[in-house]
Amino acid sequence: MQHREFGKTGKKLTLLGFGGMRFMEVGESDSANTVDEAAAVKMLRYAYDQGINYVDTAYIYNDGQSEVAIGKSLKDGYREKVYLADKMPVWLVKKPADLERIFDEQLARLDTSYIDFYLLHALNAETWETVQRLDIIAWCEEKKRQGLIKHIGFSFHDSFSVFKKIIDSYDWEFCQVQYNYMNEAVQAGTAGVEYAHSKGIPVVVMEPLLGGNLASLKAVAKCFKTTNRSQVEMALRWLWNKPEISLVLSGMSAMQQAVDNIEYAGRAGVGVMTDIEHAAIAEAQAIMKSRNVVPCTACRYCIDCPMKIDIPEIFSLYNTAKNAILGKQVGEAKDNYNALAVKADACIKCRACEQHCPQRIEITARLHEAHEFLYRAPKRKTPGA
């Protein structure tokens, strides 16, 4: 497994990091999804044994169960081999006491005495004001002095101008941004990645596959036949080709994904992409833009819908139908949509979901669009039949 220098931290981190947001879930417990811990721990330890030395989680992932599973995976000597990253959900912090409460919960869930890389989670213009008002950076610095966290950074979802403002405001040790070949001009984008790098701040990439959209859309698959590489490898390879990227997180949910991604990382590097591969990426970008895909990454920050609409599932079905090559695939997506107990037309336009969406999707409007495309009205019975 290849390593890259991680800025002034003095650490060398693997090209591939393990993202803990998409663990397989089984059943329900007290109305909260529960991670298949045995499968998660097995997969995580396989990754550690193959050399991955960075694992990332957050307070809200899998309703808190991600932290628990990752904590268990780091037992039996693995804690000393792997750097652990976790995040403070700034939008849940209303007063200083919330910082202590949440952090204590995190240490308890992880069953650890310290966190290596600690991030202020999903910063944007609004939450950055909260950080300043409550002096949260000073709180982080105190935790660092106490040895409870080792390095301070932030993850981000907003415009480049906001990103630059935050980067310039503090001597950050690292940052984490959403970035992939469809997001060069989205959020921090290429400009943000290059700006952070120019200031010596390591860049960790999340959503390299845009919530799986760059891995599963049939209309894009044909673009990469000339490369003899999969959609997933090409998306990751595009990132690893860039010297500005320190580490790419992948939210792996199945063992085969871990096996494949580790193999891809082993043959990646800066400047290794060929002209044929660059051309394939350009073709994929053009197709994706023409299909007007909903940029939903299935982060599930929107799931507290008062009408119980499964927004990520509906957008997934909509994207699948719009990007299918065969009519059969469109039909299957429509069948699955019409089988949903609650459809998009149940939306009451409260827009609560839009307040939490990191992608700034106009969810209300796009739900209407999805319903119009996917819904099949029941056939009326013939009178007397």
Protein backbone atom coordinates (compact mmCIF):
# COMPACT_ATOMS: atom_id res chain seq x y z
CA MET A 1 0.00 0.00 0.00
CA GLN A 2 1.44 3.36 -1.06
CA HIS A 3 1.78 6.25 1.40
CA ARG A 4 1.85 10.03 1.07
CA GLU A 5 3.22 12.67 3.42
CA PHE A 6 0.41 14.26 5.41
CA GLY A 7 1.52 17.87 5.64
CA LYS A 8 3.12 19.14 8.83
CA THR A 9 1.62 16.34 10.93
CA GLY A 10 4.69 14.25 10.15
CA LYS A 11 2.46 11.26 9.44
CA LYS A 12 2.54 9.06 6.34
CA LEU A 13 -0.95 7.94 5.40
CA THR A 14 -2.07 5.40 2.86
CA LEU A 15 -3.59 6.56 -0.44
CA LEU A 16 -6.81 4.78 0.52
CA GLY A 17 -8.63 5.43 3.77
CA PHE A 18 -11.64 3.54 5.13
CA GLY A 19 -14.79 5.65 5.35
CA GLY A 20 -17.23 4.48 8.01
CA MET A 21 -20.50 5.95 6.74
CA ARG A 22 -21.86 3.05 4.68
CA PHE A 23 -21.61 -0.10 6.78
CA MET A 24 -24.16 -2.80 6.03
CA GLU A 25 -27.15 -2.57 8.34
CA VAL A 26 -29.31 -5.42 9.60
CA GLY A 27 -32.73 -5.15 11.23
CA GLU A 28 -33.82 -2.41 13.54
CA SER A 29 -33.34 -1.75 17.22
CA ASP A 30 -35.37 0.90 19.02
CA SER A 31 -36.28 2.37 15.62
CA ALA A 32 -32.58 2.85 14.74
CA ASN A 33 -30.72 0.87 12.12
CA THR A 34 -28.06 -1.44 13.52
CA VAL A 35 -24.74 -2.15 11.86
CA ASP A 36 -23.78 -5.74 11.10
CA GLU A 37 -20.84 -5.44 13.49
CA ALA A 38 -19.30 -8.83 12.80
CA ALA A 39 -19.16 -8.13 9.05
CA ALA A 40 -17.91 -4.58 9.60
CA VAL A 41 -15.12 -5.63 11.97
CA LYS A 42 -14.04 -8.45 9.63
CA MET A 43 -13.91 -6.06 6.67
CA LEU A 44 -12.09 -3.33 8.61
CA ARG A 45 -9.46 -5.69 9.93
CA TYR A 46 -8.90 -7.10 6.48
CA ALA A 47 -8.23 -3.54 5.30
CA TYR A 48 -5.88 -2.87 8.23
CA ASP A 49 -4.01 -6.10 7.55
CA GLN A 50 -3.54 -5.03 3.93
CA GLY A 51 -1.93 -1.80 5.12
CA ILE A 52 -4.73 0.80 5.30
CA ASN A 53 -3.81 2.99 8.25
CA TYR A 54 -6.62 5.60 8.35
CA VAL A 55 -10.24 5.03 9.32
CA ASP A 56 -12.88 7.77 9.38
CA THR A 57 -16.21 7.94 11.21
CA ALA A 58 -18.62 10.52 12.66
CA TYR A 59 -21.08 10.96 15.50
CA ILE A 60 -24.12 10.58 13.24
CA TYR A 61 -22.98 7.74 10.94
CA ASN A 62 -25.26 4.69 11.14
CA ASP A 63 -27.09 6.39 14.01
CA GLY A 64 -23.92 6.25 16.10
CA GLN A 65 -23.27 2.58 15.45
CA SER A 66 -20.40 3.31 13.05
CA GLU A 67 -18.28 4.61 15.94
CA VAL A 68 -19.10 1.50 17.98
CA ALA A 69 -18.16 -0.90 15.18
CA ILE A 70 -14.94 0.93 14.40
CA GLY A 71 -14.03 0.98 18.09
CA LYS A 72 -14.40 -2.80 18.20
CA SER A 73 -12.32 -3.21 15.05
CA LEU A 74 -9.43 -1.39 16.73
CA LYS A 75 -9.13 -3.87 19.60
CA ASP A 76 -6.50 -6.63 19.76
CA GLY A 77 -3.57 -4.35 18.94
CA TYR A 78 -5.04 -2.59 15.90
CA ARG A 79 -5.43 0.77 17.68
CA GLU A 80 -1.67 1.25 17.65
CA LYS A 81 -1.48 0.53 13.90
CA VAL A 82 -4.31 2.74 12.62
CA TYR A 83 -5.01 6.47 12.74
CA LEU A 84 -8.57 7.21 13.85
CA ALA A 85 -10.58 10.18 12.54
CA ASP A 86 -13.87 11.41 14.01
CA LYS A 87 -15.97 14.56 13.78
CA MET A 88 -17.87 17.07 15.89
CA PRO A 89 -21.38 17.68 14.41
CA VAL A 90 -21.32 21.46 14.74
CA TRP A 91 -24.97 21.85 13.69
CA LEU A 92 -26.00 19.94 16.84
CA VAL A 93 -23.99 22.21 19.13
CA LYS A 94 -26.18 24.88 20.73
CA LYS A 95 -24.06 25.60 23.81
CA PRO A 96 -20.52 24.78 25.05
CA ALA A 97 -21.80 21.91 27.20
CA ASP A 98 -22.89 20.12 24.02
CA LEU A 99 -19.27 19.88 22.92
CA GLU A 100 -18.29 18.02 26.07
CA ARG A 101 -21.33 15.76 26.00
CA ILE A 102 -20.88 14.72 22.37
CA PHE A 103 -17.12 14.26 22.67
CA ASP A 104 -17.50 12.11 25.77
CA GLU A 105 -20.08 9.98 23.94
CA GLN A 106 -17.66 9.55 21.05
CA LEU A 107 -14.81 8.38 23.27
CA ALA A 108 -17.18 5.96 24.98
CA ARG A 109 -18.55 4.54 21.72
CA LEU A 110 -15.06 4.17 20.29
CA ASP A 111 -13.75 2.87 23.62
CA THR A 112 -10.55 4.85 23.17
CA SER A 113 -8.69 7.46 25.16
CA TYR A 114 -7.82 9.71 22.20
CA ILE A 115 -8.68 10.51 18.58
CA ASP A 116 -5.85 11.08 16.10
CA PHE A 117 -7.58 13.33 13.56
CA TYR A 118 -10.54 15.39 14.77
CA LEU A 119 -12.71 17.37 12.36
CA LEU A 120 -15.37 20.02 12.69
CA HIS A 121 -18.03 18.26 10.63
CA ALA A 122 -19.59 19.57 7.40
CA LEU A 123 -18.69 23.23 7.82
CA ASN A 124 -20.57 25.78 5.76
CA ALA A 125 -21.28 29.50 6.10
CA GLU A 126 -23.89 28.95 8.81
CA THR A 127 -22.00 26.43 10.95
CA TRP A 128 -18.80 28.44 10.60
CA GLU A 129 -20.61 31.25 12.43
CA THR A 130 -21.42 28.76 15.20
CA VAL A 131 -17.76 27.75 15.39
CA GLN A 132 -16.76 31.39 15.86
CA ARG A 133 -19.59 32.31 18.24
CA LEU A 134 -18.90 29.39 20.59
CA ASP A 135 -15.11 29.52 20.11
CA ILE A 136 -15.08 25.84 19.17
CA ILE A 137 -11.54 25.97 17.80
CA ALA A 138 -10.29 27.01 21.24
CA TRP A 139 -12.16 24.02 22.66
CA CYS A 140 -10.38 21.77 20.14
CA GLU A 141 -7.02 23.25 21.06
CA GLU A 142 -7.68 22.51 24.73
CA LYS A 143 -8.50 18.90 23.88
CA LYS A 144 -5.26 18.76 21.93
CA ARG A 145 -3.30 20.09 24.91
CA GLN A 146 -4.90 17.37 27.01
CA GLY A 147 -3.81 14.73 24.50
CA LEU A 148 -7.41 13.75 23.71
CA ILE A 149 -7.06 14.73 20.07
CA LYS A 150 -3.84 14.90 18.08
CA HIS A 151 -4.64 16.95 14.95
CA ILE A 152 -7.35 19.51 14.14
CA GLY A 153 -9.14 19.78 10.80
CA PHE A 154 -12.55 20.24 9.22
CA SER A 155 -14.83 18.71 6.60
CA PHE A 156 -16.68 20.97 4.23
CA HIS A 157 -19.86 21.43 2.16
CA ASP A 158 -20.30 24.90 0.68
CA SER A 159 -18.88 27.23 -1.98
CA PHE A 160 -15.22 27.87 -2.77
CA SER A 161 -15.45 31.41 -1.36
CA VAL A 162 -16.59 30.04 2.02
CA PHE A 163 -13.91 27.35 1.87
CA LYS A 164 -11.18 29.93 1.26
CA LYS A 165 -12.47 32.05 4.14
CA ILE A 166 -12.32 29.08 6.53
CA ILE A 167 -8.91 27.90 5.27
CA ASP A 168 -7.44 31.39 5.78
CA SER A 169 -8.90 31.77 9.28
CA TYR A 170 -6.80 29.21 11.13
CA ASP A 171 -3.64 27.13 10.95
CA TRP A 172 -5.46 23.91 10.04
CA GLU A 173 -3.56 20.63 10.00
CA PHE A 174 -5.80 19.06 7.34
CA CYS A 175 -9.14 19.43 5.58
CA GLN A 176 -11.69 17.08 4.03
CA VAL A 177 -13.72 17.94 0.93
CA GLN A 178 -16.17 16.30 -1.41
CA TYR A 179 -14.37 15.83 -4.72
CA ASN A 180 -14.62 13.61 -7.78
CA TYR A 181 -14.49 14.00 -11.55
CA MET A 182 -18.02 15.42 -11.58
CA ASN A 183 -17.34 17.96 -8.81
CA GLU A 184 -14.49 20.00 -10.27
CA ALA A 185 -16.63 23.15 -10.02
CA VAL A 186 -18.90 22.01 -7.16
CA GLN A 187 -18.41 23.06 -3.51
CA ALA A 188 -14.69 23.58 -2.81
CA GLY A 189 -13.93 22.00 -6.18
CA THR A 190 -10.58 21.92 -7.92
CA ALA A 191 -9.92 25.52 -6.89
CA GLY A 192 -10.31 24.59 -3.23
CA VAL A 193 -8.16 21.48 -3.49
CA GLU A 194 -5.38 23.43 -5.16
CA TYR A 195 -5.67 26.35 -2.72
CA ALA A 196 -5.40 24.12 0.36
CA HIS A 197 -2.44 22.31 -1.18
CA SER A 198 -0.71 25.62 -1.94
CA LYS A 199 -0.88 26.44 1.78
CA GLY A 200 0.57 23.08 2.79
CA ILE A 201 -2.75 21.75 4.12
CA PRO A 202 -3.32 18.05 3.34
CA VAL A 203 -6.54 17.29 1.47
CA VAL A 204 -8.65 14.25 2.32
CA VAL A 205 -11.30 13.42 -0.29
CA MET A 206 -14.77 12.12 0.54
CA GLU A 207 -17.49 11.04 -1.90
CA PRO A 208 -15.01 9.98 -4.60
CA LEU A 209 -17.86 8.04 -6.27
CA LEU A 210 -20.55 10.67 -5.68
CA GLY A 211 -22.52 8.40 -3.39
CA GLY A 212 -22.07 5.47 -5.76
CA ASN A 213 -23.39 7.30 -8.83
CA LEU A 214 -20.00 7.07 -10.54
CA ALA A 215 -19.88 3.34 -9.88
CA SER A 216 -23.31 2.15 -10.94
CA LEU A 217 -24.76 4.20 -13.78
CA LYS A 218 -25.03 1.98 -16.84
CA ALA A 219 -24.81 4.84 -19.32
CA VAL A 220 -21.30 5.67 -18.09
CA ALA A 221 -19.89 2.13 -18.05
CA LYS A 222 -19.24 2.04 -21.79
CA CYS A 223 -16.90 5.04 -21.52
CA PHE A 224 -14.25 2.99 -19.77
CA LYS A 225 -14.13 -0.07 -22.01
CA THR A 226 -11.07 1.35 -23.79
CA THR A 227 -9.19 1.58 -20.47
CA ASN A 228 -9.78 -2.03 -19.37
CA ARG A 229 -10.60 -0.61 -15.95
CA SER A 230 -13.85 -0.46 -13.99
CA GLN A 231 -15.90 2.67 -13.34
CA VAL A 232 -14.82 2.56 -9.70
CA GLU A 233 -11.11 2.24 -10.45
CA MET A 234 -11.20 5.08 -12.96
CA ALA A 235 -12.95 7.42 -10.52
CA LEU A 236 -10.43 6.65 -7.78
CA ARG A 237 -7.47 6.67 -10.19
CA TRP A 238 -8.45 10.16 -11.38
CA LEU A 239 -8.08 11.40 -7.81
CA TRP A 240 -4.88 9.55 -6.97
CA ASN A 241 -3.35 10.94 -10.17
CA LYS A 242 -3.35 14.40 -8.55
CA PRO A 243 -0.44 15.46 -6.28
CA GLU A 244 -2.79 17.77 -4.35
CA ILE A 245 -4.72 14.80 -2.92
CA SER A 246 -3.25 13.26 0.22
CA LEU A 247 -5.81 10.54 0.88
CA VAL A 248 -9.07 9.25 -0.62
CA LEU A 249 -11.80 7.86 1.62
CA SER A 250 -14.02 5.08 0.36
CA GLY A 251 -17.19 4.15 2.23
CA MET A 252 -16.90 0.42 1.69
CA SER A 253 -19.87 -1.72 2.69
CA ALA A 254 -18.90 -5.14 1.34
CA MET A 255 -15.71 -7.20 1.52
CA GLN A 256 -15.31 -7.35 -2.25
CA GLN A 257 -15.29 -3.55 -2.38
CA ALA A 258 -12.41 -3.51 0.08
CA VAL A 259 -10.51 -6.16 -1.88
CA ASP A 260 -10.99 -4.29 -5.15
CA ASN A 261 -10.20 -0.81 -3.83
CA ILE A 262 -7.00 -1.97 -2.16
CA GLU A 263 -5.93 -3.54 -5.46
CA TYR A 264 -6.73 -0.28 -7.31
CA ALA A 265 -4.68 1.75 -4.81
CA GLY A 266 -1.74 -0.57 -5.35
CA ARG A 267 -1.42 0.42 -9.00
CA ALA A 268 -2.29 4.12 -8.72
CA GLY A 269 -0.07 7.15 -8.34
CA VAL A 270 0.63 10.71 -9.39
CA GLY A 271 0.84 11.21 -13.14
CA VAL A 272 0.12 7.59 -14.08
CA MET A 273 -3.06 8.18 -16.09
CA THR A 274 -2.79 7.75 -19.84
CA ASP A 275 -4.26 9.91 -22.60
CA ILE A 276 -6.82 7.16 -23.24
CA GLU A 277 -7.88 7.25 -19.59
CA HIS A 278 -8.19 11.04 -19.56
CA ALA A 279 -10.33 10.86 -22.70
CA ALA A 280 -12.58 8.25 -21.09
CA ILE A 281 -13.10 10.48 -18.05
CA ALA A 282 -14.01 13.42 -20.31
CA GLU A 283 -16.57 11.25 -22.12
CA ALA A 284 -18.08 10.12 -18.82
CA GLN A 285 -18.31 13.73 -17.61
CA ALA A 286 -20.18 14.75 -20.75
CA ILE A 287 -22.68 11.90 -20.41
CA MET A 288 -23.29 12.58 -16.72
CA LYS A 289 -23.91 16.26 -17.37
CA SER A 290 -26.32 15.52 -20.21
CA ARG A 291 -28.37 13.14 -18.07
CA ASN A 292 -28.96 15.75 -15.33
CA VAL A 293 -28.35 13.31 -12.48
CA VAL A 294 -29.58 14.31 -9.04
CA PRO A 295 -26.29 14.71 -7.10
CA CYS A 296 -27.57 12.77 -4.09
CA THR A 297 -24.81 10.87 -2.26
CA ALA A 298 -27.19 8.95 0.03
CA CYS A 299 -25.59 10.50 3.11
CA ARG A 300 -29.09 10.25 4.66
CA TYR A 301 -28.87 13.57 6.49
CA CYS A 302 -32.42 14.17 5.20
CA ILE A 303 -34.10 11.06 6.59
CA ASP A 304 -36.07 12.81 9.34
CA CYS A 305 -38.80 13.64 6.84
CA PRO A 306 -42.12 14.22 8.65
CA MET A 307 -43.88 12.32 5.86
CA LYS A 308 -41.42 9.38 6.06
CA ILE A 309 -40.33 9.80 2.44
CA ASP A 310 -37.18 7.82 1.70
CA ILE A 311 -35.57 10.64 -0.27
CA PRO A 312 -32.21 8.92 -1.06
CA GLU A 313 -34.00 5.78 -2.32
CA ILE A 314 -36.28 7.78 -4.60
CA PHE A 315 -33.37 9.74 -6.06
CA SER A 316 -31.46 6.49 -6.56
CA LEU A 317 -34.36 5.00 -8.52
CA TYR A 318 -34.76 8.21 -10.51
CA ASN A 319 -31.07 8.35 -11.42
CA THR A 320 -31.10 4.66 -12.35
CA ALA A 321 -34.09 5.11 -14.64
CA LYS A 322 -32.73 8.21 -16.34
CA ASN A 323 -29.32 6.67 -16.93
CA ALA A 324 -30.36 3.17 -17.93
CA ILE A 325 -29.35 1.82 -21.30
CA LEU A 326 -32.11 -0.76 -21.61
CA GLY A 327 -35.84 -0.16 -21.36
CA LYS A 328 -36.03 -3.12 -18.99
CA GLN A 329 -33.91 -1.25 -16.44
CA VAL A 330 -36.19 1.77 -16.65
CA GLY A 331 -39.18 -0.47 -16.08
CA GLU A 332 -37.60 -2.11 -13.04
CA ALA A 333 -36.83 1.27 -11.50
CA LYS A 334 -40.42 2.39 -12.07
CA ASP A 335 -41.77 -0.86 -10.63
CA ASN A 336 -39.64 -0.41 -7.51
CA TYR A 337 -40.78 3.18 -7.14
CA ASN A 338 -44.45 2.31 -7.46
CA ALA A 339 -44.01 -0.40 -4.84
CA LEU A 340 -42.91 2.18 -2.25
CA ALA A 341 -45.42 2.72 0.55
CA VAL A 342 -44.69 6.47 0.56
CA LYS A 343 -43.98 8.14 -2.75
CA ALA A 344 -42.56 11.55 -3.59
CA ASP A 345 -46.00 13.12 -4.04
CA ALA A 346 -46.46 12.89 -0.26
CA CYS A 347 -44.03 15.81 0.10
CA ILE A 348 -45.64 18.74 1.95
CA LYS A 349 -42.92 21.20 0.83
CA CYS A 350 -41.74 21.97 4.35
CA ARG A 351 -38.16 21.96 3.00
CA ALA A 352 -36.71 20.74 6.30
CA CYS A 353 -34.68 18.22 4.30
CA GLU A 354 -33.11 20.99 2.21
CA GLN A 355 -31.70 22.63 5.33
CA HIS A 356 -29.66 19.50 6.07
CA CYS A 357 -28.57 18.54 2.54
CA PRO A 358 -24.79 18.93 2.09
CA GLN A 359 -25.29 18.95 -1.70
CA ARG A 360 -27.72 21.89 -1.58
CA ILE A 361 -30.17 19.90 -3.69
CA GLU A 362 -33.56 21.55 -4.29
CA ILE A 363 -35.12 18.40 -2.90
CA THR A 364 -38.75 19.50 -3.05
CA ALA A 365 -38.59 20.34 -6.75
CA ARG A 366 -36.58 17.26 -7.67
CA LEU A 367 -38.93 14.95 -5.77
CA HIS A 368 -41.76 16.32 -7.89
CA GLU A 369 -39.64 15.74 -10.99
CA ALA A 370 -38.88 12.17 -9.91
CA HIS A 371 -42.54 11.39 -9.24
CA GLU A 372 -43.57 12.72 -12.64
CA PHE A 373 -41.00 10.47 -14.31
CA LEU A 374 -41.45 7.29 -12.25
CA TYR A 375 -45.11 7.13 -11.26
CA ARG A 376 -47.53 4.83 -13.03
CA ALA A 377 -51.16 5.61 -12.35
CA PRO A 378 -53.25 2.51 -11.55
CA LYS A 379 -55.22 1.26 -14.51
CA ARG A 380 -58.92 1.90 -14.21
CA LYS A 381 -61.16 -1.11 -14.27
CA THR A 382 -63.56 -1.35 -17.19
CA PRO A 383 -67.17 -0.81 -15.97
CA GLY A 384 -68.92 -4.13 -15.58
CA ALA A 385 -65.71 -6.10 -15.74
